[in-house]
Structure formats: structure tokens, C-alpha cells
Amino acid sequence: MTITPSTAPSETVTTSSLPRATAVVRAFATTPPGGYGHPVLAVAAALAAEHRLRAGAHQIVCDPRAADPVLATAARTVHAHDAACAALLDRIDRWAATALTEGRTGVLHTESLGQLVGRLVTVWMRGQLMADARAAVDDPRVRLAANQLGELGRAYDDLVSDLLLGRRRLPVLQTPTGPAGMA
């Protein structure tokens, strides 16, 4: 069963309905007509948008020629996008805590689903920023970002497979990462 936006939150889905890494990464860049039917993909798309906006504000923060009032505004903007990203990751973790309740006997995975999606979008965004800057394909940083994205994608897919087979489970108690959990 796949969760659609109208599905009641109390319903659970099987881990087989978790999207694969290619779908998650695709969600960072494109939105299908009608939006996403899976909550992880919808949040992944929103997370990528926040990262893009955060990156723009961060470039201003790092500009040595920017005036102090502009820097202050940009720093507050970066902080706001950081908080929005944390809240989105928290949404993935809260969804996973309710939707992925079966197979709680596997070996504990060290990070939450939201943390893994967060790392995927961070590496993807680094590659996008290099593409925007027209970095050469043979630039070692471009190759590193591509390799890291591939490795994280395989790690995500391995986690999905392990969850499906009951070999792994996600942490039950998460440290709040949304605005309420931020210092």
C-alpha cells in the first residue's frame, strides 16, 4: 500500500513502499504533475528547495564585500532555512516512526531515515552548486560529489532492503531536530 496525501496518518505502509534512492534524488530536482504521492518524496522535494534558498543566502554571508546590514539579513535567512530543513527532516522521521512499525527486531540502524535523506540532499546540492558555477566535469570536487551521492544512494537502498527483510530497524526515539528541538 502506498500513502497518498489523503491517507490517514494512522495507517501504516510496508517498507516495500519506500521510494528507492533514484526516486528521492529525482524529487530534489523535479516535481511530477499532480505532485508526489509518497510523503518521503514530497518532503525531499521541499528539502531540496530549502537547500537551494539556503545556499543563495549563504553565498551572501560569505561575500567579503557585503555590507553589514545585508550580512545580518542573510545570516537570519540562513538560520531560517536551517530551521525549515530540520523541521522537514523531523517530518520524515515522524512519518517513519508511525509508518514503519513492523520488523522492530532487526539490528538498529545508526541514523534515522530523515538524517540519511538530509545527507543525500546536502551532497546533491553541492553538486548542483558546482554545476551552476560551471565546474569542469573532470574537477576532482565534481567527481567526489558524484561518488558520494552514489555511495549514499546505495546506502539508502541497502537500508530500504534491510528494513524490508527485517535485518535492520530505525531508531525509535529521535532527538527532536525541528524548531522545537533547536537550541
N, C-alpha and C. Protein backbone atom coordinates (compact mmCIF):
# COMPACT_ATOMS: atom_id res chain seq x y z
N MET A 1 0.85 -1.17 0.00
CA MET A 1 0.00 0.00 0.00
C MET A 1 0.90 1.23 0.00
N THR A 2 0.54 2.23 -0.77
CA THR A 2 1.28 3.47 -0.83
C THR A 2 0.46 4.57 -0.17
N ILE A 3 1.12 5.39 0.61
CA ILE A 3 0.43 6.51 1.25
C ILE A 3 0.27 7.62 0.23
N THR A 4 -0.90 8.16 0.14
CA THR A 4 -1.15 9.34 -0.67
C THR A 4 -1.43 10.48 0.29
N PRO A 5 -1.37 11.71 -0.19
CA PRO A 5 -1.58 12.82 0.73
C PRO A 5 -2.89 12.73 1.51
N SER A 6 -3.91 12.04 0.97
CA SER A 6 -5.17 11.97 1.67
C SER A 6 -5.26 10.79 2.62
N THR A 7 -4.22 9.95 2.67
CA THR A 7 -4.25 8.78 3.54
C THR A 7 -4.16 9.22 4.99
N ALA A 8 -4.93 8.58 5.82
CA ALA A 8 -4.91 8.91 7.25
C ALA A 8 -3.56 8.59 7.85
N PRO A 9 -3.03 9.44 8.73
CA PRO A 9 -1.71 9.22 9.30
C PRO A 9 -1.63 7.95 10.14
N SER A 10 -2.75 7.44 10.62
CA SER A 10 -2.69 6.25 11.46
C SER A 10 -2.46 4.98 10.65
N GLU A 11 -2.66 5.04 9.33
CA GLU A 11 -2.43 3.86 8.51
C GLU A 11 -0.94 3.63 8.37
N THR A 12 -0.54 2.39 8.30
CA THR A 12 0.87 2.10 8.12
C THR A 12 1.09 1.58 6.72
N VAL A 13 2.31 1.71 6.26
CA VAL A 13 2.69 1.18 4.96
C VAL A 13 3.79 0.17 5.18
N THR A 14 4.01 -0.66 4.21
CA THR A 14 5.12 -1.59 4.31
C THR A 14 6.37 -0.91 3.81
N THR A 15 7.51 -1.43 4.23
CA THR A 15 8.76 -0.84 3.78
C THR A 15 8.96 -1.01 2.30
N SER A 16 8.25 -1.95 1.68
CA SER A 16 8.38 -2.11 0.24
C SER A 16 7.85 -0.90 -0.51
N SER A 17 7.06 -0.05 0.16
CA SER A 17 6.56 1.15 -0.50
C SER A 17 7.50 2.33 -0.32
N LEU A 18 8.60 2.14 0.39
CA LEU A 18 9.59 3.22 0.49
C LEU A 18 10.20 3.47 -0.88
N PRO A 19 10.33 4.73 -1.27
CA PRO A 19 10.93 5.01 -2.58
C PRO A 19 12.41 4.65 -2.59
N ARG A 20 12.91 4.28 -3.75
CA ARG A 20 14.33 3.99 -3.93
C ARG A 20 15.09 5.31 -4.01
N ALA A 21 16.40 5.22 -3.90
CA ALA A 21 17.26 6.41 -3.89
C ALA A 21 17.11 7.23 -5.16
N THR A 22 16.98 6.57 -6.31
CA THR A 22 16.85 7.32 -7.56
C THR A 22 15.60 8.20 -7.54
N ALA A 23 14.51 7.69 -6.96
CA ALA A 23 13.29 8.50 -6.88
C ALA A 23 13.48 9.66 -5.91
N VAL A 24 14.19 9.43 -4.82
CA VAL A 24 14.43 10.51 -3.85
C VAL A 24 15.28 11.60 -4.49
N VAL A 25 16.35 11.20 -5.16
CA VAL A 25 17.23 12.20 -5.81
C VAL A 25 16.48 12.91 -6.93
N ARG A 26 15.66 12.19 -7.67
CA ARG A 26 14.86 12.82 -8.73
C ARG A 26 13.91 13.86 -8.12
N ALA A 27 13.39 13.57 -6.93
CA ALA A 27 12.48 14.51 -6.27
C ALA A 27 13.18 15.81 -5.90
N PHE A 28 14.49 15.78 -5.74
CA PHE A 28 15.23 17.01 -5.43
C PHE A 28 15.13 18.01 -6.56
N ALA A 29 14.99 17.52 -7.80
CA ALA A 29 15.06 18.41 -8.95
C ALA A 29 13.75 18.58 -9.71
N THR A 30 12.84 17.62 -9.60
CA THR A 30 11.62 17.68 -10.41
C THR A 30 10.41 17.33 -9.56
N THR A 31 9.29 17.90 -9.94
CA THR A 31 8.01 17.57 -9.31
C THR A 31 7.07 17.11 -10.41
N PRO A 32 6.54 15.91 -10.30
CA PRO A 32 5.64 15.43 -11.35
C PRO A 32 4.32 16.21 -11.31
N PRO A 33 3.62 16.24 -12.45
CA PRO A 33 2.30 16.88 -12.44
C PRO A 33 1.41 16.21 -11.39
N GLY A 34 0.78 16.99 -10.59
CA GLY A 34 -0.06 16.45 -9.53
C GLY A 34 0.68 16.21 -8.23
N GLY A 35 1.98 16.43 -8.22
CA GLY A 35 2.77 16.27 -7.00
C GLY A 35 3.14 14.83 -6.72
N TYR A 36 3.69 14.63 -5.55
CA TYR A 36 4.14 13.30 -5.13
C TYR A 36 3.08 12.62 -4.30
N GLY A 37 2.96 11.29 -4.49
CA GLY A 37 2.03 10.52 -3.70
C GLY A 37 2.65 9.94 -2.45
N HIS A 38 3.96 10.00 -2.35
CA HIS A 38 4.63 9.43 -1.18
C HIS A 38 5.18 10.57 -0.32
N PRO A 39 4.94 10.53 0.99
CA PRO A 39 5.38 11.63 1.84
C PRO A 39 6.89 11.85 1.87
N VAL A 40 7.68 10.81 1.73
CA VAL A 40 9.14 10.99 1.73
C VAL A 40 9.56 11.79 0.49
N LEU A 41 8.95 11.51 -0.65
CA LEU A 41 9.29 12.24 -1.87
C LEU A 41 8.83 13.69 -1.81
N ALA A 42 7.65 13.92 -1.25
CA ALA A 42 7.17 15.29 -1.11
C ALA A 42 8.08 16.10 -0.20
N VAL A 43 8.49 15.51 0.90
CA VAL A 43 9.38 16.22 1.82
C VAL A 43 10.77 16.39 1.20
N ALA A 44 11.24 15.39 0.45
CA ALA A 44 12.54 15.50 -0.22
C ALA A 44 12.56 16.68 -1.20
N ALA A 45 11.46 16.85 -1.93
CA ALA A 45 11.38 17.98 -2.87
C ALA A 45 11.41 19.31 -2.11
N ALA A 46 10.66 19.40 -1.02
CA ALA A 46 10.66 20.62 -0.21
C ALA A 46 12.02 20.87 0.41
N LEU A 47 12.68 19.81 0.82
CA LEU A 47 14.01 19.92 1.42
C LEU A 47 15.03 20.46 0.43
N ALA A 48 14.97 19.98 -0.81
CA ALA A 48 15.89 20.49 -1.84
C ALA A 48 15.64 21.96 -2.11
N ALA A 49 14.37 22.37 -2.13
CA ALA A 49 14.06 23.79 -2.34
C ALA A 49 14.63 24.65 -1.21
N GLU A 50 14.50 24.17 0.03
CA GLU A 50 15.07 24.90 1.16
C GLU A 50 16.59 24.99 1.06
N HIS A 51 17.22 23.89 0.64
CA HIS A 51 18.67 23.90 0.50
C HIS A 51 19.12 24.89 -0.58
N ARG A 52 18.37 24.97 -1.66
CA ARG A 52 18.70 25.91 -2.74
C ARG A 52 18.61 27.34 -2.21
N LEU A 53 17.54 27.66 -1.49
CA LEU A 53 17.38 29.01 -0.94
C LEU A 53 18.46 29.31 0.10
N ARG A 54 18.76 28.32 0.93
CA ARG A 54 19.80 28.47 1.94
C ARG A 54 21.15 28.74 1.28
N ALA A 55 21.45 28.03 0.20
CA ALA A 55 22.74 28.21 -0.49
C ALA A 55 22.87 29.63 -1.04
N GLY A 56 21.78 30.18 -1.56
CA GLY A 56 21.84 31.55 -2.06
C GLY A 56 22.14 32.54 -0.95
N ALA A 57 21.48 32.37 0.19
CA ALA A 57 21.73 33.27 1.33
C ALA A 57 23.14 33.06 1.87
N HIS A 58 23.60 31.82 1.86
CA HIS A 58 24.94 31.52 2.38
C HIS A 58 26.02 32.18 1.52
N GLN A 59 25.79 32.26 0.22
CA GLN A 59 26.76 32.94 -0.65
C GLN A 59 26.90 34.41 -0.27
N ILE A 60 25.81 35.03 0.13
CA ILE A 60 25.86 36.43 0.57
C ILE A 60 26.65 36.53 1.88
N VAL A 61 26.40 35.60 2.80
CA VAL A 61 27.11 35.60 4.09
C VAL A 61 28.62 35.49 3.85
N CYS A 62 29.03 34.75 2.85
CA CYS A 62 30.45 34.53 2.58
C CYS A 62 31.07 35.62 1.70
N ASP A 63 30.29 36.57 1.24
CA ASP A 63 30.80 37.63 0.37
C ASP A 63 31.51 38.69 1.21
N PRO A 64 32.82 38.83 1.06
CA PRO A 64 33.56 39.81 1.88
C PRO A 64 33.19 41.27 1.56
N ARG A 65 32.53 41.50 0.44
CA ARG A 65 32.15 42.87 0.05
C ARG A 65 30.76 43.25 0.55
N ALA A 66 30.01 42.30 1.11
CA ALA A 66 28.64 42.59 1.53
C ALA A 66 28.62 43.51 2.75
N ALA A 67 27.70 44.43 2.75
CA ALA A 67 27.55 45.38 3.85
C ALA A 67 26.96 44.65 5.07
N ASP A 68 27.26 45.18 6.25
CA ASP A 68 26.81 44.55 7.49
C ASP A 68 25.30 44.31 7.56
N PRO A 69 24.47 45.28 7.18
CA PRO A 69 23.02 45.02 7.25
C PRO A 69 22.60 43.87 6.31
N VAL A 70 23.24 43.79 5.16
CA VAL A 70 22.95 42.71 4.20
C VAL A 70 23.40 41.38 4.79
N LEU A 71 24.59 41.38 5.42
CA LEU A 71 25.08 40.16 6.05
C LEU A 71 24.16 39.69 7.17
N ALA A 72 23.68 40.63 7.96
CA ALA A 72 22.78 40.27 9.07
C ALA A 72 21.49 39.65 8.54
N THR A 73 20.94 40.24 7.50
CA THR A 73 19.72 39.71 6.91
C THR A 73 19.97 38.33 6.31
N ALA A 74 21.09 38.18 5.62
CA ALA A 74 21.42 36.89 5.01
C ALA A 74 21.65 35.82 6.08
N ALA A 75 22.30 36.19 7.19
CA ALA A 75 22.55 35.23 8.27
C ALA A 75 21.22 34.77 8.89
N ARG A 76 20.29 35.70 9.07
CA ARG A 76 18.98 35.31 9.59
C ARG A 76 18.25 34.41 8.59
N THR A 77 18.42 34.67 7.32
CA THR A 77 17.80 33.84 6.28
C THR A 77 18.39 32.43 6.30
N VAL A 78 19.71 32.33 6.43
CA VAL A 78 20.34 31.01 6.52
C VAL A 78 19.79 30.25 7.72
N HIS A 79 19.70 30.94 8.85
CA HIS A 79 19.17 30.30 10.06
C HIS A 79 17.72 29.84 9.85
N ALA A 80 16.91 30.65 9.20
CA ALA A 80 15.51 30.29 8.95
C ALA A 80 15.43 29.05 8.06
N HIS A 81 16.29 28.98 7.05
CA HIS A 81 16.28 27.81 6.16
C HIS A 81 16.83 26.58 6.87
N ASP A 82 17.81 26.77 7.75
CA ASP A 82 18.30 25.64 8.56
C ASP A 82 17.16 25.08 9.42
N ALA A 83 16.39 25.96 10.03
CA ALA A 83 15.26 25.53 10.87
C ALA A 83 14.21 24.83 10.02
N ALA A 84 13.94 25.34 8.83
CA ALA A 84 12.96 24.71 7.94
C ALA A 84 13.44 23.32 7.51
N CYS A 85 14.73 23.20 7.21
CA CYS A 85 15.28 21.89 6.84
C CYS A 85 15.17 20.91 8.00
N ALA A 86 15.48 21.36 9.20
CA ALA A 86 15.38 20.49 10.37
C ALA A 86 13.95 20.02 10.59
N ALA A 87 13.00 20.92 10.39
CA ALA A 87 11.59 20.54 10.55
C ALA A 87 11.18 19.52 9.49
N LEU A 88 11.68 19.67 8.28
CA LEU A 88 11.36 18.70 7.22
C LEU A 88 11.96 17.32 7.52
N LEU A 89 13.20 17.31 7.99
CA LEU A 89 13.81 16.03 8.37
C LEU A 89 13.03 15.38 9.50
N ASP A 90 12.56 16.19 10.42
CA ASP A 90 11.75 15.70 11.52
C ASP A 90 10.45 15.09 11.00
N ARG A 91 9.87 15.69 9.97
CA ARG A 91 8.64 15.14 9.37
C ARG A 91 8.89 13.75 8.80
N ILE A 92 10.04 13.56 8.14
CA ILE A 92 10.36 12.22 7.61
C ILE A 92 10.49 11.24 8.76
N ASP A 93 11.19 11.64 9.82
CA ASP A 93 11.39 10.74 10.96
C ASP A 93 10.08 10.41 11.67
N ARG A 94 9.20 11.41 11.81
CA ARG A 94 7.91 11.14 12.44
C ARG A 94 7.06 10.23 11.57
N TRP A 95 7.11 10.42 10.26
CA TRP A 95 6.39 9.52 9.35
C TRP A 95 6.94 8.10 9.49
N ALA A 96 8.26 7.97 9.46
CA ALA A 96 8.88 6.64 9.55
C ALA A 96 8.54 5.96 10.87
N ALA A 97 8.48 6.73 11.96
CA ALA A 97 8.17 6.15 13.27
C ALA A 97 6.78 5.56 13.32
N THR A 98 5.85 6.12 12.57
CA THR A 98 4.49 5.58 12.57
C THR A 98 4.23 4.61 11.43
N ALA A 99 4.85 4.84 10.28
CA ALA A 99 4.56 4.02 9.11
C ALA A 99 5.39 2.74 9.04
N LEU A 100 6.56 2.75 9.64
CA LEU A 100 7.46 1.60 9.54
C LEU A 100 7.55 0.90 10.88
N THR A 101 6.44 0.45 11.37
CA THR A 101 6.42 -0.15 12.70
C THR A 101 6.72 -1.64 12.69
N GLU A 102 6.61 -2.30 11.52
CA GLU A 102 6.89 -3.73 11.51
C GLU A 102 8.39 -3.99 11.53
N GLY A 103 8.78 -5.16 11.90
CA GLY A 103 10.19 -5.55 11.87
C GLY A 103 11.06 -4.84 12.88
N ARG A 104 10.56 -4.59 14.07
CA ARG A 104 11.33 -3.89 15.09
C ARG A 104 12.36 -4.79 15.77
N THR A 105 12.66 -5.94 15.16
CA THR A 105 13.61 -6.87 15.79
C THR A 105 14.97 -6.82 15.13
N GLY A 106 15.13 -6.15 14.01
CA GLY A 106 16.41 -6.11 13.31
C GLY A 106 17.44 -5.30 14.06
N VAL A 107 18.64 -5.30 13.53
CA VAL A 107 19.75 -4.53 14.10
C VAL A 107 19.46 -3.04 13.92
N LEU A 108 19.72 -2.29 14.97
CA LEU A 108 19.45 -0.85 14.95
C LEU A 108 20.35 -0.16 13.94
N HIS A 109 19.75 0.62 13.04
CA HIS A 109 20.50 1.46 12.12
C HIS A 109 20.94 2.70 12.89
N THR A 110 22.12 3.22 12.59
CA THR A 110 22.68 4.29 13.41
C THR A 110 22.10 5.66 13.16
N GLU A 111 21.42 5.84 12.05
CA GLU A 111 20.82 7.15 11.79
C GLU A 111 19.39 6.97 11.32
N SER A 112 18.64 8.03 11.44
CA SER A 112 17.24 7.98 11.05
C SER A 112 17.11 8.10 9.54
N LEU A 113 15.93 7.82 9.04
CA LEU A 113 15.67 7.97 7.61
C LEU A 113 15.82 9.43 7.21
N GLY A 114 15.34 10.33 8.05
CA GLY A 114 15.47 11.76 7.77
C GLY A 114 16.92 12.20 7.69
N GLN A 115 17.75 11.70 8.58
CA GLN A 115 19.18 12.06 8.54
C GLN A 115 19.82 11.58 7.25
N LEU A 116 19.47 10.39 6.79
CA LEU A 116 20.04 9.88 5.55
C LEU A 116 19.56 10.69 4.35
N VAL A 117 18.28 11.02 4.32
CA VAL A 117 17.77 11.88 3.23
C VAL A 117 18.44 13.26 3.30
N GLY A 118 18.67 13.76 4.51
CA GLY A 118 19.35 15.03 4.67
C GLY A 118 20.77 15.01 4.11
N ARG A 119 21.47 13.92 4.34
CA ARG A 119 22.83 13.80 3.78
C ARG A 119 22.77 13.68 2.26
N LEU A 120 21.77 12.96 1.73
CA LEU A 120 21.61 12.87 0.28
C LEU A 120 21.42 14.25 -0.35
N VAL A 121 20.53 15.05 0.22
CA VAL A 121 20.25 16.36 -0.37
C VAL A 121 21.45 17.29 -0.22
N THR A 122 22.21 17.17 0.85
CA THR A 122 23.39 18.02 1.03
C THR A 122 24.43 17.75 -0.06
N VAL A 123 24.71 16.48 -0.31
CA VAL A 123 25.69 16.13 -1.34
C VAL A 123 25.15 16.49 -2.72
N TRP A 124 23.86 16.23 -2.96
CA TRP A 124 23.25 16.59 -4.23
C TRP A 124 23.36 18.10 -4.46
N MET A 125 23.08 18.89 -3.42
CA MET A 125 23.13 20.35 -3.55
C MET A 125 24.55 20.82 -3.86
N ARG A 126 25.54 20.19 -3.22
CA ARG A 126 26.93 20.56 -3.51
C ARG A 126 27.22 20.37 -5.01
N GLY A 127 26.77 19.25 -5.56
CA GLY A 127 26.94 19.01 -6.99
C GLY A 127 26.20 20.03 -7.84
N GLN A 128 24.99 20.39 -7.42
CA GLN A 128 24.22 21.39 -8.17
C GLN A 128 24.90 22.75 -8.17
N LEU A 129 25.47 23.13 -7.03
CA LEU A 129 26.17 24.41 -6.96
C LEU A 129 27.41 24.42 -7.84
N MET A 130 28.10 23.29 -7.92
CA MET A 130 29.25 23.20 -8.83
C MET A 130 28.79 23.26 -10.28
N ALA A 131 27.67 22.63 -10.58
CA ALA A 131 27.13 22.70 -11.95
C ALA A 131 26.73 24.14 -12.27
N ASP A 132 26.10 24.83 -11.32
CA ASP A 132 25.73 26.23 -11.52
C ASP A 132 26.95 27.10 -11.77
N ALA A 133 28.06 26.76 -11.12
CA ALA A 133 29.31 27.52 -11.28
C ALA A 133 30.09 27.04 -12.51
N ARG A 134 29.50 26.10 -13.23
CA ARG A 134 30.11 25.53 -14.45
C ARG A 134 31.47 24.90 -14.18
N ALA A 135 31.54 24.16 -13.07
CA ALA A 135 32.78 23.43 -12.75
C ALA A 135 32.99 22.35 -13.81
N ALA A 136 34.24 22.14 -14.16
CA ALA A 136 34.58 21.14 -15.17
C ALA A 136 34.23 19.74 -14.68
N VAL A 137 33.80 18.91 -15.59
CA VAL A 137 33.41 17.54 -15.25
C VAL A 137 34.59 16.78 -14.64
N ASP A 138 35.80 17.11 -15.06
CA ASP A 138 36.97 16.40 -14.53
C ASP A 138 37.52 17.04 -13.25
N ASP A 139 36.83 18.05 -12.73
CA ASP A 139 37.21 18.66 -11.46
C ASP A 139 37.08 17.60 -10.37
N PRO A 140 38.13 17.40 -9.56
CA PRO A 140 38.06 16.37 -8.51
C PRO A 140 36.89 16.57 -7.54
N ARG A 141 36.48 17.80 -7.31
CA ARG A 141 35.35 18.05 -6.41
C ARG A 141 34.04 17.56 -7.01
N VAL A 142 33.92 17.68 -8.33
CA VAL A 142 32.72 17.19 -9.02
C VAL A 142 32.67 15.67 -8.94
N ARG A 143 33.81 15.03 -9.20
CA ARG A 143 33.86 13.56 -9.10
C ARG A 143 33.58 13.10 -7.68
N LEU A 144 34.14 13.81 -6.69
CA LEU A 144 33.91 13.45 -5.29
C LEU A 144 32.43 13.55 -4.94
N ALA A 145 31.77 14.64 -5.34
CA ALA A 145 30.34 14.81 -5.05
C ALA A 145 29.53 13.71 -5.73
N ALA A 146 29.86 13.38 -6.97
CA ALA A 146 29.14 12.32 -7.68
C ALA A 146 29.34 10.97 -7.00
N ASN A 147 30.58 10.69 -6.60
CA ASN A 147 30.85 9.43 -5.89
C ASN A 147 30.13 9.37 -4.55
N GLN A 148 30.14 10.47 -3.81
CA GLN A 148 29.46 10.50 -2.52
C GLN A 148 27.95 10.31 -2.69
N LEU A 149 27.38 10.94 -3.71
CA LEU A 149 25.95 10.77 -3.95
C LEU A 149 25.63 9.32 -4.31
N GLY A 150 26.48 8.71 -5.12
CA GLY A 150 26.28 7.31 -5.46
C GLY A 150 26.38 6.40 -4.24
N GLU A 151 27.37 6.64 -3.40
CA GLU A 151 27.53 5.82 -2.19
C GLU A 151 26.35 6.00 -1.24
N LEU A 152 25.92 7.24 -1.04
CA LEU A 152 24.78 7.48 -0.16
C LEU A 152 23.50 6.86 -0.73
N GLY A 153 23.36 6.93 -2.05
CA GLY A 153 22.21 6.30 -2.70
C GLY A 153 22.20 4.80 -2.47
N ARG A 154 23.36 4.17 -2.60
CA ARG A 154 23.45 2.73 -2.34
C ARG A 154 23.18 2.43 -0.86
N ALA A 155 23.67 3.28 0.04
CA ALA A 155 23.42 3.08 1.47
C ALA A 155 21.93 3.20 1.77
N TYR A 156 21.27 4.17 1.14
CA TYR A 156 19.83 4.34 1.32
C TYR A 156 19.09 3.10 0.81
N ASP A 157 19.42 2.65 -0.40
CA ASP A 157 18.76 1.47 -0.96
C ASP A 157 19.04 0.22 -0.12
N ASP A 158 20.25 0.10 0.39
CA ASP A 158 20.57 -1.04 1.27
C ASP A 158 19.72 -0.98 2.53
N LEU A 159 19.55 0.21 3.09
CA LEU A 159 18.71 0.35 4.28
C LEU A 159 17.27 -0.05 3.97
N VAL A 160 16.74 0.42 2.84
CA VAL A 160 15.37 0.06 2.47
C VAL A 160 15.25 -1.46 2.35
N SER A 161 16.21 -2.10 1.68
CA SER A 161 16.18 -3.57 1.55
C SER A 161 16.27 -4.25 2.91
N ASP A 162 17.17 -3.77 3.76
CA ASP A 162 17.33 -4.36 5.09
C ASP A 162 16.08 -4.17 5.94
N LEU A 163 15.41 -3.02 5.81
CA LEU A 163 14.16 -2.80 6.54
C LEU A 163 13.10 -3.78 6.05
N LEU A 164 13.04 -3.97 4.74
CA LEU A 164 12.06 -4.88 4.16
C LEU A 164 12.28 -6.32 4.62
N LEU A 165 13.54 -6.71 4.73
CA LEU A 165 13.87 -8.08 5.14
C LEU A 165 13.93 -8.25 6.65
N GLY A 166 13.76 -7.18 7.39
CA GLY A 166 13.77 -7.27 8.85
C GLY A 166 15.16 -7.34 9.45
N ARG A 167 16.19 -7.09 8.65
CA ARG A 167 17.56 -7.15 9.17
C ARG A 167 17.94 -5.88 9.92
N ARG A 168 17.28 -4.79 9.62
CA ARG A 168 17.56 -3.51 10.28
C ARG A 168 16.26 -2.89 10.73
N ARG A 169 16.40 -2.00 11.69
CA ARG A 169 15.27 -1.19 12.14
C ARG A 169 15.78 0.22 12.37
N LEU A 170 14.86 1.15 12.29
CA LEU A 170 15.20 2.55 12.50
C LEU A 170 15.13 2.87 13.99
N PRO A 171 15.89 3.85 14.43
CA PRO A 171 15.79 4.26 15.83
C PRO A 171 14.36 4.69 16.15
N VAL A 172 13.88 4.30 17.33
CA VAL A 172 12.52 4.64 17.73
C VAL A 172 12.46 6.04 18.31
N LEU A 173 13.36 6.34 19.21
CA LEU A 173 13.37 7.65 19.84
C LEU A 173 14.36 8.55 19.12
N GLN A 174 13.85 9.61 18.56
CA GLN A 174 14.69 10.54 17.82
C GLN A 174 14.94 11.79 18.65
N THR A 175 16.09 12.37 18.46
CA THR A 175 16.36 13.68 19.04
C THR A 175 15.58 14.69 18.20
N PRO A 176 14.74 15.50 18.82
CA PRO A 176 13.98 16.46 18.02
C PRO A 176 14.90 17.36 17.23
N THR A 177 14.66 17.45 15.92
CA THR A 177 15.50 18.28 15.08
C THR A 177 14.77 19.51 14.56
N GLY A 178 13.45 19.52 14.70
CA GLY A 178 12.68 20.66 14.24
C GLY A 178 12.88 21.87 15.13
N PRO A 179 12.17 22.94 14.84
CA PRO A 179 12.34 24.19 15.61
C PRO A 179 12.19 23.99 17.11
N ALA A 180 11.32 23.09 17.55
CA ALA A 180 11.15 22.88 18.99
C ALA A 180 12.37 22.25 19.63
N GLY A 181 13.15 21.50 18.84
CA GLY A 181 14.32 20.82 19.38
C GLY A 181 15.61 21.59 19.20
N MET A 182 15.55 22.73 18.54
CA MET A 182 16.76 23.51 18.28
C MET A 182 17.05 24.45 19.45
N ALA A 183 18.33 24.59 19.71
CA ALA A 183 18.75 25.49 20.80
C ALA A 183 18.86 26.91 20.31
